[in-house]
Amino acid sequence: MPSHPDPRSPALHGNEIVIGVDDSRTSESTVRCAARTASKRGRTLRIAHGLDLAALGAAVDYPDLAVHDLVARLRRRAEDAVERARRTAHAVDPNLTVVTEISPESAARVLTRRSESAYEVVVGAGSGADSIVGRIGSTITAVASHAHAPVVVVRGDLDRSPRPADAPVVLGLDGHPAGDAAIGLAFDEASWRGTGLVVVHAWSDLSLGVFAQRHQLLTPPQAFEEAESVVVAERLAGWQEKYPDVTVSRRVYLDGPRQHLLRWSQRAQLVVVGSRGRGGLAGMLLGSTSAALIAQSRCPVMVVRPDSVSNPYAGEQK
């Protein structure tokens, strides 16, 4: 147990870990991951399934009786999926408090609504035909873009390819003050897990080698890296004192944050990134780095929007 205040304590944010499930094989591994977190941190696990009846009604042009029959079948499948998830969670911890919910809303809507009072939201993204990303990838994008709590995207089957207990937590740091929430949660996750934190920062979002020869840069790469090391130090100021149990390693690169974070995801147990949607629909779409990690990361990814967590240290950082 960490000795410092939990940035997501019930007094500051919600107590529930909310997980969205469907009837795919991927869900079982995701449920186990969420249940382990809920058990270790004394949280309630809410298992939610969205039927999306509005979309069904708009898409099916059949007599009412046929629609009602289809809805009944979908509800039975949802009940089976939720019950399997409940059993899976209790297999992890028989004493875990589990609540279930089947909503007529879409999965994205129910998860986003529940995120308003959640500790975190968990969604699964496997590979192949059973992948939630492959089948309903818009759900993950919508939840990660709009959730009011941190969103953890669990990729693959962690039970088949577990990471060592000392595998690091990796933080993607862009140097913007909006990323402070992600910094705090990355430290908190590393502390809870009893492991180190690797902070990855790149000066440019671009892969400079695609557009220019590095030797043609007006400023030598070493100078860029030295200047960006100062940026990283400023953003981390104070956090290491608040989390003295977390050993921090810093990696500063000239360019290519997505590529570096994806490489680090091969050895990390969690990658934490902030998202402030700097594209044409700012605040509505994920940033390109977050989106790339959700699609390709080799480990779970936590996406933290600036307003998705109450931070007891807010205002203390310079």
C-alpha atoms as a PDB file:
ATOM      1  CA  MET A   1       0.000   0.000   0.000  1.00  0.00           C
ATOM      2  CA  PRO A   2       1.375   3.438  -0.860  1.00  0.00           C
ATOM      3  CA  SER A   3       1.840   5.845   2.031  1.00  0.00           C
ATOM      4  CA  HIS A   4       0.831   8.889  -0.030  1.00  0.00           C
ATOM      5  CA  PRO A   5      -2.763   9.982  -0.764  1.00  0.00           C
ATOM      6  CA  ASP A   6      -4.427   8.054  -3.570  1.00  0.00           C
ATOM      7  CA  PRO A   7      -5.248  10.624  -6.314  1.00  0.00           C
ATOM      8  CA  ARG A   8      -8.440   8.667  -7.003  1.00  0.00           C
ATOM      9  CA  SER A   9      -9.576   8.016  -3.433  1.00  0.00           C
ATOM     10  CA  PRO A  10     -13.363   7.709  -2.936  1.00  0.00           C
ATOM     11  CA  ALA A  11     -13.376  11.118  -1.264  1.00  0.00           C
ATOM     12  CA  LEU A  12     -11.943  12.673  -4.419  1.00  0.00           C
ATOM     13  CA  HIS A  13     -13.489  10.547  -7.132  1.00  0.00           C
ATOM     14  CA  GLY A  14     -15.645   7.466  -7.596  1.00  0.00           C
ATOM     15  CA  ASN A  15     -15.203   4.100  -5.958  1.00  0.00           C
ATOM     16  CA  GLU A  16     -16.188   1.873  -8.882  1.00  0.00           C
ATOM     17  CA  ILE A  17     -14.032   0.286 -11.518  1.00  0.00           C
ATOM     18  CA  VAL A  18     -16.388   0.083 -14.491  1.00  0.00           C
ATOM     19  CA  ILE A  19     -15.778  -2.530 -17.159  1.00  0.00           C
ATOM     20  CA  GLY A  20     -17.591  -2.951 -20.441  1.00  0.00           C
ATOM     21  CA  VAL A  21     -18.107  -6.551 -21.556  1.00  0.00           C
ATOM     22  CA  ASP A  22     -19.477  -8.298 -24.603  1.00  0.00           C
ATOM     23  CA  ASP A  23     -19.702 -11.986 -25.522  1.00  0.00           C
ATOM     24  CA  SER A  24     -16.188 -12.288 -26.960  1.00  0.00           C
ATOM     25  CA  ARG A  25     -13.365 -14.379 -25.528  1.00  0.00           C
ATOM     26  CA  THR A  26     -11.395 -11.173 -25.031  1.00  0.00           C
ATOM     27  CA  SER A  27     -13.786 -10.064 -22.298  1.00  0.00           C
ATOM     28  CA  GLU A  28     -12.771 -12.831 -19.893  1.00  0.00           C
ATOM     29  CA  SER A  29      -9.132 -11.749 -19.782  1.00  0.00           C
ATOM     30  CA  THR A  30     -10.184  -8.115 -19.440  1.00  0.00           C
ATOM     31  CA  VAL A  31     -12.526  -8.951 -16.561  1.00  0.00           C
ATOM     32  CA  ARG A  32      -9.739 -10.760 -14.710  1.00  0.00           C
ATOM     33  CA  CYS A  33      -7.491  -7.728 -15.138  1.00  0.00           C
ATOM     34  CA  ALA A  34     -10.158  -5.337 -13.850  1.00  0.00           C
ATOM     35  CA  ALA A  35     -11.089  -7.666 -10.990  1.00  0.00           C
ATOM     36  CA  ARG A  36      -7.481  -7.912  -9.822  1.00  0.00           C
ATOM     37  CA  THR A  37      -7.218  -4.123  -9.752  1.00  0.00           C
ATOM     38  CA  ALA A  38     -10.530  -3.780  -7.897  1.00  0.00           C
ATOM     39  CA  SER A  39      -9.492  -6.429  -5.381  1.00  0.00           C
ATOM     40  CA  LYS A  40      -6.072  -4.940  -4.636  1.00  0.00           C
ATOM     41  CA  ARG A  41      -7.423  -1.415  -4.301  1.00  0.00           C
ATOM     42  CA  GLY A  42     -10.603  -2.151  -2.409  1.00  0.00           C
ATOM     43  CA  ARG A  43     -12.953  -0.993  -5.171  1.00  0.00           C
ATOM     44  CA  THR A  44     -16.338  -2.142  -6.370  1.00  0.00           C
ATOM     45  CA  LEU A  45     -16.388  -3.728  -9.820  1.00  0.00           C
ATOM     46  CA  ARG A  46     -19.290  -2.713 -12.060  1.00  0.00           C
ATOM     47  CA  ILE A  47     -19.801  -4.976 -15.069  1.00  0.00           C
ATOM     48  CA  ALA A  48     -21.760  -3.167 -17.781  1.00  0.00           C
ATOM     49  CA  HIS A  49     -23.182  -4.195 -21.143  1.00  0.00           C
ATOM     50  CA  GLY A  50     -24.868  -1.859 -23.627  1.00  0.00           C
ATOM     51  CA  LEU A  51     -27.572  -3.249 -25.934  1.00  0.00           C
ATOM     52  CA  ASP A  52     -27.748  -0.134 -28.138  1.00  0.00           C
ATOM     53  CA  LEU A  53     -31.453  -0.608 -28.816  1.00  0.00           C
ATOM     54  CA  ALA A  54     -31.794   2.752 -30.552  1.00  0.00           C
ATOM     55  CA  ALA A  55     -29.350   1.689 -33.268  1.00  0.00           C
ATOM     56  CA  LEU A  56     -31.063  -1.684 -33.526  1.00  0.00           C
ATOM     57  CA  GLY A  57     -34.472  -0.104 -34.010  1.00  0.00           C
ATOM     58  CA  ALA A  58     -33.121   2.172 -36.716  1.00  0.00           C
ATOM     59  CA  ALA A  59     -31.372  -0.651 -38.553  1.00  0.00           C
ATOM     60  CA  VAL A  60     -34.030  -3.387 -38.472  1.00  0.00           C
ATOM     61  CA  ASP A  61     -36.970  -2.898 -40.813  1.00  0.00           C
ATOM     62  CA  TYR A  62     -39.194  -5.763 -39.716  1.00  0.00           C
ATOM     63  CA  PRO A  63     -42.591  -6.090 -38.029  1.00  0.00           C
ATOM     64  CA  ASP A  64     -42.603  -5.187 -34.332  1.00  0.00           C
ATOM     65  CA  LEU A  65     -42.914  -8.815 -33.278  1.00  0.00           C
ATOM     66  CA  ALA A  66     -39.659  -9.712 -35.028  1.00  0.00           C
ATOM     67  CA  VAL A  67     -37.891  -6.765 -33.409  1.00  0.00           C
ATOM     68  CA  HIS A  68     -39.142  -7.755 -29.960  1.00  0.00           C
ATOM     69  CA  ASP A  69     -37.952 -11.312 -30.528  1.00  0.00           C
ATOM     70  CA  LEU A  70     -34.520 -10.079 -31.589  1.00  0.00           C
ATOM     71  CA  VAL A  71     -34.278  -7.789 -28.564  1.00  0.00           C
ATOM     72  CA  ALA A  72     -35.188 -10.690 -26.289  1.00  0.00           C
ATOM     73  CA  ARG A  73     -32.425 -12.832 -27.791  1.00  0.00           C
ATOM     74  CA  LEU A  74     -29.913 -10.010 -27.482  1.00  0.00           C
ATOM     75  CA  ARG A  75     -30.888  -9.480 -23.857  1.00  0.00           C
ATOM     76  CA  ARG A  76     -30.461 -13.183 -23.077  1.00  0.00           C
ATOM     77  CA  ARG A  77     -27.010 -13.142 -24.651  1.00  0.00           C
ATOM     78  CA  ALA A  78     -26.159 -10.036 -22.656  1.00  0.00           C
ATOM     79  CA  GLU A  79     -27.342 -11.688 -19.440  1.00  0.00           C
ATOM     80  CA  ASP A  80     -25.171 -14.721 -20.182  1.00  0.00           C
ATOM     81  CA  ALA A  81     -22.136 -12.520 -20.916  1.00  0.00           C
ATOM     82  CA  VAL A  82     -22.594 -10.468 -17.751  1.00  0.00           C
ATOM     83  CA  GLU A  83     -23.076 -13.581 -15.622  1.00  0.00           C
ATOM     84  CA  ARG A  84     -19.914 -15.174 -17.044  1.00  0.00           C
ATOM     85  CA  ALA A  85     -18.049 -11.981 -16.267  1.00  0.00           C
ATOM     86  CA  ARG A  86     -19.390 -11.966 -12.707  1.00  0.00           C
ATOM     87  CA  ARG A  87     -18.226 -15.562 -12.179  1.00  0.00           C
ATOM     88  CA  THR A  88     -14.822 -14.714 -13.649  1.00  0.00           C
ATOM     89  CA  ALA A  89     -14.461 -11.752 -11.293  1.00  0.00           C
ATOM     90  CA  HIS A  90     -15.414 -13.816  -8.249  1.00  0.00           C
ATOM     91  CA  ALA A  91     -12.930 -16.486  -9.288  1.00  0.00           C
ATOM     92  CA  VAL A  92     -10.261 -13.799  -8.890  1.00  0.00           C
ATOM     93  CA  ASP A  93     -11.628 -12.692  -5.498  1.00  0.00           C
ATOM     94  CA  PRO A  94     -14.712 -14.367  -3.983  1.00  0.00           C
ATOM     95  CA  ASN A  95     -15.144 -11.408  -1.624  1.00  0.00           C
ATOM     96  CA  LEU A  96     -15.080  -8.791  -4.354  1.00  0.00           C
ATOM     97  CA  THR A  97     -18.146  -6.558  -4.500  1.00  0.00           C
ATOM     98  CA  VAL A  98     -19.568  -6.891  -8.007  1.00  0.00           C
ATOM     99  CA  VAL A  99     -22.582  -5.110  -9.473  1.00  0.00           C
ATOM    100  CA  THR A 100     -23.914  -5.728 -12.964  1.00  0.00           C
ATOM    101  CA  GLU A 101     -25.825  -3.612 -15.431  1.00  0.00           C
ATOM    102  CA  ILE A 102     -27.498  -4.232 -18.766  1.00  0.00           C
ATOM    103  CA  SER A 103     -28.458  -0.962 -20.369  1.00  0.00           C
ATOM    104  CA  PRO A 104     -30.581  -0.191 -23.441  1.00  0.00           C
ATOM    105  CA  GLU A 105     -27.960   2.455 -24.275  1.00  0.00           C
ATOM    106  CA  SER A 106     -24.950   1.863 -26.474  1.00  0.00           C
ATOM    107  CA  ALA A 107     -21.808   0.570 -24.791  1.00  0.00           C
ATOM    108  CA  ALA A 108     -20.090   3.917 -25.329  1.00  0.00           C
ATOM    109  CA  ARG A 109     -22.946   5.849 -23.726  1.00  0.00           C
ATOM    110  CA  VAL A 110     -23.321   3.642 -20.678  1.00  0.00           C
ATOM    111  CA  LEU A 111     -19.570   3.557 -20.019  1.00  0.00           C
ATOM    112  CA  THR A 112     -19.203   7.300 -20.486  1.00  0.00           C
ATOM    113  CA  ARG A 113     -22.173   7.956 -18.200  1.00  0.00           C
ATOM    114  CA  ARG A 114     -20.837   5.628 -15.516  1.00  0.00           C
ATOM    115  CA  SER A 115     -17.392   7.212 -15.827  1.00  0.00           C
ATOM    116  CA  GLU A 116     -18.763  10.367 -14.189  1.00  0.00           C
ATOM    117  CA  SER A 117     -18.539   8.622 -10.820  1.00  0.00           C
ATOM    118  CA  ALA A 118     -15.891   5.987 -11.580  1.00  0.00           C
ATOM    119  CA  TYR A 119     -12.384   5.342 -10.339  1.00  0.00           C
ATOM    120  CA  GLU A 120     -11.501   4.117 -13.826  1.00  0.00           C
ATOM    121  CA  VAL A 121     -13.117   2.542 -16.868  1.00  0.00           C
ATOM    122  CA  VAL A 122     -11.749  -0.661 -18.383  1.00  0.00           C
ATOM    123  CA  VAL A 123     -12.367  -1.886 -21.933  1.00  0.00           C
ATOM    124  CA  GLY A 124     -10.846  -4.805 -23.792  1.00  0.00           C
ATOM    125  CA  ALA A 125      -9.107  -4.863 -27.143  1.00  0.00           C
ATOM    126  CA  GLY A 126      -7.885  -8.240 -28.303  1.00  0.00           C
ATOM    127  CA  SER A 127      -6.765  -9.292 -31.749  1.00  0.00           C
ATOM    128  CA  GLY A 128      -8.437 -10.946 -34.679  1.00  0.00           C
ATOM    129  CA  ALA A 129     -12.122 -11.700 -35.082  1.00  0.00           C
ATOM    130  CA  ASP A 130     -12.908 -11.486 -31.361  1.00  0.00           C
ATOM    131  CA  SER A 131     -11.325  -8.078 -30.952  1.00  0.00           C
ATOM    132  CA  ILE A 132     -13.533  -5.321 -29.616  1.00  0.00           C
ATOM    133  CA  VAL A 133     -11.361  -2.957 -31.628  1.00  0.00           C
ATOM    134  CA  GLY A 134     -11.982  -4.999 -34.743  1.00  0.00           C
ATOM    135  CA  ARG A 135     -15.739  -5.275 -34.209  1.00  0.00           C
ATOM    136  CA  ILE A 136     -16.760  -2.122 -32.380  1.00  0.00           C
ATOM    137  CA  GLY A 137     -13.606  -0.039 -32.276  1.00  0.00           C
ATOM    138  CA  SER A 138     -15.666   3.134 -32.226  1.00  0.00           C
ATOM    139  CA  THR A 139     -16.730   2.239 -28.669  1.00  0.00           C
ATOM    140  CA  ILE A 140     -13.186   2.368 -27.355  1.00  0.00           C
ATOM    141  CA  THR A 141     -12.434   5.582 -29.221  1.00  0.00           C
ATOM    142  CA  ALA A 142     -15.604   7.241 -27.962  1.00  0.00           C
ATOM    143  CA  VAL A 143     -15.078   6.181 -24.353  1.00  0.00           C
ATOM    144  CA  ALA A 144     -11.409   7.172 -24.294  1.00  0.00           C
ATOM    145  CA  SER A 145     -12.291  10.515 -25.901  1.00  0.00           C
ATOM    146  CA  HIS A 146     -15.185  11.446 -23.624  1.00  0.00           C
ATOM    147  CA  ALA A 147     -14.841   9.565 -20.331  1.00  0.00           C
ATOM    148  CA  HIS A 148     -14.727  11.538 -17.099  1.00  0.00           C
ATOM    149  CA  ALA A 149     -12.350   9.009 -15.520  1.00  0.00           C
ATOM    150  CA  PRO A 150      -9.109   7.390 -16.694  1.00  0.00           C
ATOM    151  CA  VAL A 151      -9.689   4.699 -19.318  1.00  0.00           C
ATOM    152  CA  VAL A 152      -7.631   1.508 -19.351  1.00  0.00           C
ATOM    153  CA  VAL A 153      -7.591  -0.366 -22.654  1.00  0.00           C
ATOM    154  CA  VAL A 154      -6.529  -3.973 -22.081  1.00  0.00           C
ATOM    155  CA  ARG A 155      -4.935  -5.448 -25.161  1.00  0.00           C
ATOM    156  CA  GLY A 156      -4.575  -9.176 -25.746  1.00  0.00           C
ATOM    157  CA  ASP A 157      -4.695 -11.973 -23.187  1.00  0.00           C
ATOM    158  CA  LEU A 158      -2.572 -10.972 -20.192  1.00  0.00           C
ATOM    159  CA  ASP A 159      -2.866 -14.447 -18.679  1.00  0.00           C
ATOM    160  CA  ARG A 160      -1.185 -16.055 -21.688  1.00  0.00           C
ATOM    161  CA  SER A 161       1.601 -13.481 -21.899  1.00  0.00           C
ATOM    162  CA  PRO A 162       2.017 -11.989 -18.414  1.00  0.00           C
ATOM    163  CA  ARG A 163       4.639  -9.358 -17.707  1.00  0.00           C
ATOM    164  CA  PRO A 164       7.114  -9.709 -14.816  1.00  0.00           C
ATOM    165  CA  ALA A 165       6.112  -7.992 -11.586  1.00  0.00           C
ATOM    166  CA  ASP A 166       9.073  -5.644 -11.958  1.00  0.00           C
ATOM    167  CA  ALA A 167       8.160  -4.596 -15.517  1.00  0.00           C
ATOM    168  CA  PRO A 168       7.940  -0.807 -15.484  1.00  0.00           C
ATOM    169  CA  VAL A 169       5.065   1.570 -15.859  1.00  0.00           C
ATOM    170  CA  VAL A 170       5.811   3.834 -18.848  1.00  0.00           C
ATOM    171  CA  LEU A 171       4.606   7.427 -19.074  1.00  0.00           C
ATOM    172  CA  GLY A 172       4.366   9.282 -22.368  1.00  0.00           C
ATOM    173  CA  LEU A 173       5.112  12.902 -21.484  1.00  0.00           C
ATOM    174  CA  ASP A 174       4.512  15.696 -24.004  1.00  0.00           C
ATOM    175  CA  GLY A 175       5.627  18.546 -21.747  1.00  0.00           C
ATOM    176  CA  HIS A 176       2.251  20.332 -21.730  1.00  0.00           C
ATOM    177  CA  PRO A 177       0.677  21.293 -18.367  1.00  0.00           C
ATOM    178  CA  ALA A 178      -2.489  19.464 -19.439  1.00  0.00           C
ATOM    179  CA  GLY A 179      -0.535  16.252 -18.922  1.00  0.00           C
ATOM    180  CA  ASP A 180      -0.161  16.714 -15.159  1.00  0.00           C
ATOM    181  CA  ALA A 181      -3.092  14.381 -14.468  1.00  0.00           C
ATOM    182  CA  ALA A 182      -1.340  11.635 -16.437  1.00  0.00           C
ATOM    183  CA  ILE A 183       1.907  12.262 -14.557  1.00  0.00           C
ATOM    184  CA  GLY A 184       0.197  11.871 -11.189  1.00  0.00           C
ATOM    185  CA  LEU A 185      -1.559   8.664 -12.184  1.00  0.00           C
ATOM    186  CA  ALA A 186       1.602   7.174 -13.709  1.00  0.00           C
ATOM    187  CA  PHE A 187       3.422   7.702 -10.412  1.00  0.00           C
ATOM    188  CA  ASP A 188       0.438   6.308  -8.531  1.00  0.00           C
ATOM    189  CA  GLU A 189       0.258   3.203 -10.724  1.00  0.00           C
ATOM    190  CA  ALA A 190       3.988   2.549 -10.354  1.00  0.00           C
ATOM    191  CA  SER A 191       3.682   2.911  -6.589  1.00  0.00           C
ATOM    192  CA  TRP A 192       0.709   0.570  -6.326  1.00  0.00           C
ATOM    193  CA  ARG A 193       2.484  -2.006  -8.479  1.00  0.00           C
ATOM    194  CA  GLY A 194       5.785  -1.689  -6.624  1.00  0.00           C
ATOM    195  CA  THR A 195       7.775  -1.022  -9.770  1.00  0.00           C
ATOM    196  CA  GLY A 196       9.720   1.714 -11.519  1.00  0.00           C
ATOM    197  CA  LEU A 197       8.500   4.461 -13.823  1.00  0.00           C
ATOM    198  CA  VAL A 198      10.025   5.152 -17.238  1.00  0.00           C
ATOM    199  CA  VAL A 199       9.240   8.647 -18.542  1.00  0.00           C
ATOM    200  CA  VAL A 200       9.388   8.873 -22.351  1.00  0.00           C
ATOM    201  CA  HIS A 201       9.486  12.297 -23.973  1.00  0.00           C
ATOM    202  CA  ALA A 202      10.073  13.315 -27.598  1.00  0.00           C
ATOM    203  CA  TRP A 203      10.705  16.839 -28.842  1.00  0.00           C
ATOM    204  CA  SER A 204       8.601  16.388 -31.994  1.00  0.00           C
ATOM    205  CA  ASP A 205       5.488  14.364 -32.845  1.00  0.00           C
ATOM    206  CA  LEU A 206       6.937  13.865 -36.322  1.00  0.00           C
ATOM    207  CA  SER A 207       9.479  11.335 -37.495  1.00  0.00           C
ATOM    208  CA  LEU A 208      12.004  13.897 -38.629  1.00  0.00           C
ATOM    209  CA  GLY A 209      13.920  11.448 -40.742  1.00  0.00           C
ATOM    210  CA  VAL A 210      10.956  11.268 -43.129  1.00  0.00           C
ATOM    211  CA  PHE A 211      11.056  14.994 -43.846  1.00  0.00           C
ATOM    212  CA  ALA A 212      14.637  16.072 -43.397  1.00  0.00           C
ATOM    213  CA  GLN A 213      18.131  14.781 -42.854  1.00  0.00           C
ATOM    214  CA  ARG A 214      19.043  15.222 -39.216  1.00  0.00           C
ATOM    215  CA  HIS A 215      22.403  16.769 -40.075  1.00  0.00           C
ATOM    216  CA  GLN A 216      20.521  19.588 -41.805  1.00  0.00           C
ATOM    217  CA  LEU A 217      18.808  20.708 -38.604  1.00  0.00           C
ATOM    218  CA  LEU A 218      19.910  24.200 -37.581  1.00  0.00           C
ATOM    219  CA  THR A 219      20.224  23.068 -33.977  1.00  0.00           C
ATOM    220  CA  PRO A 220      22.232  19.892 -33.263  1.00  0.00           C
ATOM    221  CA  PRO A 221      20.110  16.982 -31.971  1.00  0.00           C
ATOM    222  CA  GLN A 222      22.122  16.893 -28.745  1.00  0.00           C
ATOM    223  CA  ALA A 223      21.104  20.477 -28.007  1.00  0.00           C
ATOM    224  CA  PHE A 224      17.451  19.603 -28.563  1.00  0.00           C
ATOM    225  CA  GLU A 225      17.732  16.653 -26.210  1.00  0.00           C
ATOM    226  CA  GLU A 226      19.431  18.726 -23.526  1.00  0.00           C
ATOM    227  CA  ALA A 227      16.749  21.406 -23.761  1.00  0.00           C
ATOM    228  CA  GLU A 228      13.954  18.843 -23.636  1.00  0.00           C
ATOM    229  CA  SER A 229      15.558  17.187 -20.608  1.00  0.00           C
ATOM    230  CA  VAL A 230      14.997  20.473 -18.809  1.00  0.00           C
ATOM    231  CA  VAL A 231      11.328  20.412 -19.872  1.00  0.00           C
ATOM    232  CA  VAL A 232      10.952  16.902 -18.473  1.00  0.00           C
ATOM    233  CA  ALA A 233      12.601  17.890 -15.196  1.00  0.00           C
ATOM    234  CA  GLU A 234      10.224  20.833 -14.838  1.00  0.00           C
ATOM    235  CA  ARG A 235       7.153  18.692 -15.467  1.00  0.00           C
ATOM    236  CA  LEU A 236       8.280  16.056 -12.948  1.00  0.00           C
ATOM    237  CA  ALA A 237       9.269  18.581 -10.284  1.00  0.00           C
ATOM    238  CA  GLY A 238       7.720  17.619  -6.970  1.00  0.00           C
ATOM    239  CA  TRP A 239       6.295  14.284  -8.042  1.00  0.00           C
ATOM    240  CA  GLN A 240       9.337  12.226  -7.099  1.00  0.00           C
ATOM    241  CA  GLU A 241       9.269  13.748  -3.613  1.00  0.00           C
ATOM    242  CA  LYS A 242       5.622  12.752  -3.219  1.00  0.00           C
ATOM    243  CA  TYR A 243       6.369   9.216  -4.422  1.00  0.00           C
ATOM    244  CA  PRO A 244       9.785   8.407  -2.932  1.00  0.00           C
ATOM    245  CA  ASP A 245       9.144   4.678  -3.415  1.00  0.00           C
ATOM    246  CA  VAL A 246       9.100   5.050  -7.214  1.00  0.00           C
ATOM    247  CA  THR A 247      12.392   4.895  -9.098  1.00  0.00           C
ATOM    248  CA  VAL A 248      12.236   7.103 -12.203  1.00  0.00           C
ATOM    249  CA  SER A 249      14.149   6.661 -15.446  1.00  0.00           C
ATOM    250  CA  ARG A 250      13.968   9.346 -18.125  1.00  0.00           C
ATOM    251  CA  ARG A 251      14.236   8.757 -21.861  1.00  0.00           C
ATOM    252  CA  VAL A 252      14.366  11.847 -24.082  1.00  0.00           C
ATOM    253  CA  TYR A 253      14.208  11.454 -27.866  1.00  0.00           C
ATOM    254  CA  LEU A 254      14.331  13.887 -30.739  1.00  0.00           C
ATOM    255  CA  ASP A 255      11.223  12.601 -32.492  1.00  0.00           C
ATOM    256  CA  GLY A 256       8.772   9.733 -32.950  1.00  0.00           C
ATOM    257  CA  PRO A 257       6.906   9.458 -29.602  1.00  0.00           C
ATOM    258  CA  ARG A 258       4.519   6.828 -30.966  1.00  0.00           C
ATOM    259  CA  GLN A 259       7.295   4.574 -32.173  1.00  0.00           C
ATOM    260  CA  HIS A 260       9.234   4.849 -28.916  1.00  0.00           C
ATOM    261  CA  LEU A 261       6.187   4.234 -26.740  1.00  0.00           C
ATOM    262  CA  LEU A 262       5.168   1.245 -28.847  1.00  0.00           C
ATOM    263  CA  ARG A 263       8.644  -0.216 -28.393  1.00  0.00           C
ATOM    264  CA  TRP A 264       8.490   0.368 -24.657  1.00  0.00           C
ATOM    265  CA  SER A 265       5.065  -1.299 -24.539  1.00  0.00           C
ATOM    266  CA  GLN A 266       6.776  -4.584 -25.410  1.00  0.00           C
ATOM    267  CA  ARG A 267       8.425  -4.637 -21.994  1.00  0.00           C
ATOM    268  CA  ALA A 268       6.068  -2.508 -19.837  1.00  0.00           C
ATOM    269  CA  GLN A 269       3.125  -3.651 -17.723  1.00  0.00           C
ATOM    270  CA  LEU A 270       1.244  -0.405 -18.374  1.00  0.00           C
ATOM    271  CA  VAL A 271       1.650   2.661 -20.604  1.00  0.00           C
ATOM    272  CA  VAL A 272       0.071   5.907 -19.383  1.00  0.00           C
ATOM    273  CA  VAL A 273      -0.640   8.752 -21.798  1.00  0.00           C
ATOM    274  CA  GLY A 274      -2.512  12.018 -21.590  1.00  0.00           C
ATOM    275  CA  SER A 275      -4.874  13.023 -24.354  1.00  0.00           C
ATOM    276  CA  ARG A 276      -5.931  16.524 -25.258  1.00  0.00           C
ATOM    277  CA  GLY A 277      -7.120  15.893 -28.827  1.00  0.00           C
ATOM    278  CA  ARG A 278      -5.066  18.432 -30.737  1.00  0.00           C
ATOM    279  CA  GLY A 279      -6.664  17.536 -34.073  1.00  0.00           C
ATOM    280  CA  GLY A 280      -9.421  19.331 -35.915  1.00  0.00           C
ATOM    281  CA  LEU A 281     -12.017  18.166 -33.390  1.00  0.00           C
ATOM    282  CA  ALA A 282     -10.089  19.035 -30.243  1.00  0.00           C
ATOM    283  CA  GLY A 283     -11.568  17.430 -27.163  1.00  0.00           C
ATOM    284  CA  MET A 284     -13.622  15.032 -29.297  1.00  0.00           C
ATOM    285  CA  LEU A 285     -10.968  12.819 -30.830  1.00  0.00           C
ATOM    286  CA  LEU A 286      -7.959  11.158 -29.291  1.00  0.00           C
ATOM    287  CA  GLY A 287      -4.523  12.494 -29.996  1.00  0.00           C
ATOM    288  CA  SER A 288      -2.587  10.523 -32.599  1.00  0.00           C
ATOM    289  CA  THR A 289      -0.212   9.033 -30.027  1.00  0.00           C
ATOM    290  CA  SER A 290      -3.043   7.791 -27.805  1.00  0.00           C
ATOM    291  CA  ALA A 291      -4.899   6.378 -30.796  1.00  0.00           C
ATOM    292  CA  ALA A 292      -1.802   4.551 -32.049  1.00  0.00           C
ATOM    293  CA  LEU A 293      -1.179   2.992 -28.642  1.00  0.00           C
ATOM    294  CA  ILE A 294      -4.778   1.830 -28.313  1.00  0.00           C
ATOM    295  CA  ALA A 295      -4.507   0.158 -31.701  1.00  0.00           C
ATOM    296  CA  GLN A 296      -1.027  -1.346 -31.438  1.00  0.00           C
ATOM    297  CA  SER A 297       0.307  -1.398 -27.864  1.00  0.00           C
ATOM    298  CA  ARG A 298       1.626  -4.701 -26.547  1.00  0.00           C
ATOM    299  CA  CYS A 299       0.405  -3.979 -23.002  1.00  0.00           C
ATOM    300  CA  PRO A 300      -2.552  -2.205 -21.364  1.00  0.00           C
ATOM    301  CA  VAL A 301      -2.807   1.528 -22.024  1.00  0.00           C
ATOM    302  CA  MET A 302      -4.252   4.105 -19.624  1.00  0.00           C
ATOM    303  CA  VAL A 303      -5.598   7.208 -21.372  1.00  0.00           C
ATOM    304  CA  VAL A 304      -5.959  10.214 -19.077  1.00  0.00           C
ATOM    305  CA  ARG A 305      -7.834  13.301 -20.185  1.00  0.00           C
ATOM    306  CA  PRO A 306      -6.969  16.533 -18.337  1.00  0.00           C
ATOM    307  CA  ASP A 307     -10.362  16.636 -16.632  1.00  0.00           C
ATOM    308  CA  SER A 308     -10.700  12.890 -16.047  1.00  0.00           C
ATOM    309  CA  VAL A 309      -9.308  12.736 -12.517  1.00  0.00           C
ATOM    310  CA  SER A 310      -9.437  14.807  -9.356  1.00  0.00           C
ATOM    311  CA  ASN A 311      -5.856  15.476  -8.331  1.00  0.00           C
ATOM    312  CA  PRO A 312      -5.154  16.340  -4.674  1.00  0.00           C
ATOM    313  CA  TYR A 313      -1.852  17.887  -5.758  1.00  0.00           C
ATOM    314  CA  ALA A 314      -3.370  20.119  -8.418  1.00  0.00           C
ATOM    315  CA  GLY A 315      -1.900  23.586  -8.233  1.00  0.00           C
ATOM    316  CA  GLU A 316       1.208  22.427  -6.398  1.00  0.00           C
ATOM    317  CA  GLN A 317       3.181  21.622  -9.535  1.00  0.00           C
ATOM    318  CA  LYS A 318       5.126  24.362 -11.262  1.00  0.00           C
END
